[in-house]
C-alpha atoms as a PDB file:
ATOM      1  CA  MET A   1      -7.727 -11.931   8.193  1.00  0.00           C
ATOM      2  CA  PRO A   2      -5.432 -13.518   5.624  1.00  0.00           C
ATOM      3  CA  SER A   3      -2.039 -14.893   6.575  1.00  0.00           C
ATOM      4  CA  VAL A   4       1.104 -12.748   6.451  1.00  0.00           C
ATOM      5  CA  GLU A   5       2.211 -14.515   3.259  1.00  0.00           C
ATOM      6  CA  GLU A   6      -1.104 -13.664   1.568  1.00  0.00           C
ATOM      7  CA  ILE A   7      -0.879 -10.046   2.705  1.00  0.00           C
ATOM      8  CA  LEU A   8       2.687  -9.760   1.372  1.00  0.00           C
ATOM      9  CA  LYS A   9       1.375 -10.907  -2.030  1.00  0.00           C
ATOM     10  CA  THR A  10      -1.517  -8.389  -1.990  1.00  0.00           C
ATOM     11  CA  GLU A  11      -1.220  -5.567  -4.496  1.00  0.00           C
ATOM     12  CA  ILE A  12      -0.706  -2.324  -2.590  1.00  0.00           C
ATOM     13  CA  CYS A  13      -1.122   0.017  -5.559  1.00  0.00           C
ATOM     14  CA  GLU A  14      -2.441  -0.564  -9.060  1.00  0.00           C
ATOM     15  CA  CYS A  15      -0.261   2.205 -10.524  1.00  0.00           C
ATOM     16  CA  GLY A  16       3.057   0.507  -9.871  1.00  0.00           C
ATOM     17  CA  GLU A  17       1.678  -3.042  -9.836  1.00  0.00           C
ATOM     18  CA  LYS A  18       3.722  -3.756  -6.713  1.00  0.00           C
ATOM     19  CA  ASN A  19       2.638  -5.955  -3.851  1.00  0.00           C
ATOM     20  CA  VAL A  20       3.156  -5.334  -0.127  1.00  0.00           C
ATOM     21  CA  GLY A  21       6.303  -7.492  -0.026  1.00  0.00           C
ATOM     22  CA  GLU A  22       7.905  -5.568  -2.889  1.00  0.00           C
ATOM     23  CA  ALA A  23       7.026  -2.262  -1.240  1.00  0.00           C
ATOM     24  CA  VAL A  24       8.646  -3.410   2.030  1.00  0.00           C
ATOM     25  CA  GLU A  25      11.777  -4.396   0.097  1.00  0.00           C
ATOM     26  CA  ILE A  26      11.940  -1.012  -1.649  1.00  0.00           C
ATOM     27  CA  PHE A  27      11.386   0.918   1.584  1.00  0.00           C
ATOM     28  CA  GLN A  28      14.049  -1.134   3.395  1.00  0.00           C
ATOM     29  CA  HIS A  29      16.673  -0.336   0.769  1.00  0.00           C
ATOM     30  CA  THR A  30      16.169   3.398   0.441  1.00  0.00           C
ATOM     31  CA  GLU A  31      16.964   6.369   2.601  1.00  0.00           C
ATOM     32  CA  LEU A  32      14.697   8.667   0.629  1.00  0.00           C
ATOM     33  CA  PRO A  33      11.861  10.562   2.318  1.00  0.00           C
ATOM     34  CA  PHE A  34       8.363   9.113   1.996  1.00  0.00           C
ATOM     35  CA  LYS A  35       7.263  11.129  -1.040  1.00  0.00           C
ATOM     36  CA  LYS A  36      10.217   9.997  -3.163  1.00  0.00           C
ATOM     37  CA  ALA A  37      10.218   6.437  -1.804  1.00  0.00           C
ATOM     38  CA  LYS A  38       6.484   6.201  -2.573  1.00  0.00           C
ATOM     39  CA  LYS A  39       7.222   7.137  -6.168  1.00  0.00           C
ATOM     40  CA  LEU A  40       9.642   4.182  -6.379  1.00  0.00           C
ATOM     41  CA  VAL A  41       6.753   1.891  -5.464  1.00  0.00           C
ATOM     42  CA  THR A  42       3.955   3.509  -7.453  1.00  0.00           C
ATOM     43  CA  GLY A  43       5.765   5.157 -10.338  1.00  0.00           C
ATOM     44  CA  CYS A  44       3.370   8.114 -10.080  1.00  0.00           C
ATOM     45  CA  ASN A  45       2.451  11.123  -7.946  1.00  0.00           C
ATOM     46  CA  LYS A  46      -1.161  10.106  -7.317  1.00  0.00           C
ATOM     47  CA  ASN A  47      -2.594   9.853  -3.803  1.00  0.00           C
ATOM     48  CA  CYS A  48      -4.664   6.735  -4.495  1.00  0.00           C
ATOM     49  CA  CYS A  49      -2.695   4.443  -2.185  1.00  0.00           C
ATOM     50  CA  ARG A  50      -1.108   7.022   0.083  1.00  0.00           C
ATOM     51  CA  GLN A  51      -2.504   5.779   3.398  1.00  0.00           C
ATOM     52  CA  PRO A  52      -1.394   2.143   3.242  1.00  0.00           C
ATOM     53  CA  LEU A  53       1.976   3.144   1.792  1.00  0.00           C
ATOM     54  CA  MET A  54       2.596   5.789   4.442  1.00  0.00           C
ATOM     55  CA  LYS A  55       1.687   3.345   7.210  1.00  0.00           C
ATOM     56  CA  LEU A  56       3.957   0.691   5.678  1.00  0.00           C
ATOM     57  CA  PHE A  57       6.799   3.213   5.290  1.00  0.00           C
ATOM     58  CA  ASP A  58       6.513   4.091   8.997  1.00  0.00           C
ATOM     59  CA  MET A  59       6.431   0.407   9.957  1.00  0.00           C
ATOM     60  CA  VAL A  60       9.606  -0.275   7.957  1.00  0.00           C
ATOM     61  CA  TYR A  61      11.284   2.765   9.500  1.00  0.00           C
ATOM     62  CA  PHE A  62      10.454   1.724  13.072  1.00  0.00           C
ATOM     63  CA  GLY A  63      10.869  -2.014  12.438  1.00  0.00           C
ATOM     64  CA  LYS A  64       7.439  -2.986  13.784  1.00  0.00           C
ATOM     65  CA  TYR A  65       5.060  -4.523  11.286  1.00  0.00           C
ATOM     66  CA  ASP A  66       1.294  -4.797  11.555  1.00  0.00           C
ATOM     67  CA  TYR A  67       0.294  -6.505   8.326  1.00  0.00           C
ATOM     68  CA  ASP A  68      -3.338  -6.763   9.426  1.00  0.00           C
ATOM     69  CA  GLU A  69      -3.463  -2.955   9.558  1.00  0.00           C
ATOM     70  CA  ILE A  70      -1.963  -2.683   6.069  1.00  0.00           C
ATOM     71  CA  TYR A  71      -4.495  -5.195   4.755  1.00  0.00           C
ATOM     72  CA  ARG A  72      -7.315  -3.275   6.454  1.00  0.00           C
ATOM     73  CA  LEU A  73      -6.237   0.000   4.809  1.00  0.00           C
ATOM     74  CA  ILE A  74      -5.986  -1.650   1.392  1.00  0.00           C
ATOM     75  CA  LYS A  75      -9.432  -3.215   1.858  1.00  0.00           C
ATOM     76  CA  ILE A  76     -10.962   0.126   2.906  1.00  0.00           C
ATOM     77  CA  ARG A  77      -9.580   1.736  -0.237  1.00  0.00           C
ATOM     78  CA  HIS A  78     -10.942  -1.025  -2.478  1.00  0.00           C
ATOM     79  CA  ASP A  79     -14.337  -0.893  -0.745  1.00  0.00           C
ATOM     80  CA  LYS A  80     -14.528   2.880  -1.322  1.00  0.00           C
ATOM     81  CA  LEU A  81     -13.640   2.467  -4.988  1.00  0.00           C
ATOM     82  CA  LYS A  82     -16.202  -0.308  -5.418  1.00  0.00           C
ATOM     83  CA  LYS A  83     -18.877   1.850  -3.790  1.00  0.00           C
ATOM     84  CA  MET A  84     -18.083   4.789  -6.095  1.00  0.00           C
ATOM     85  CA  VAL A  85     -18.224   2.577  -9.190  1.00  0.00           C
ATOM     86  CA  ASP A  86     -21.523   1.084  -8.048  1.00  0.00           C
ATOM     87  CA  GLU A  87     -22.962   4.567  -7.516  1.00  0.00           C
ATOM     88  CA  LEU A  88     -21.863   5.618 -10.998  1.00  0.00           C
ATOM     89  CA  LYS A  89     -23.566   2.581 -12.508  1.00  0.00           C
ATOM     90  CA  ASN A  90     -26.903   3.426 -10.851  1.00  0.00           C
END
């Protein structure tokens, strides 16, 4: 697994072009519910990065961070996208 610093620099959603560290900062400084806070990070209503963002939102709320879990969820999403693109190419 990458270091915490590398995970904080990892892009969490392509829509908003925000990384994990920026998402944490946004979630820490808002009292909005998840759906509206997510829109601050992504700038859209898509569900593409919902799982890692929801997990991160909960971690910020409870004050316990598991960056390896966030990285794992981001990686799973990218692996699924890569697999779909590969299938479309074939």
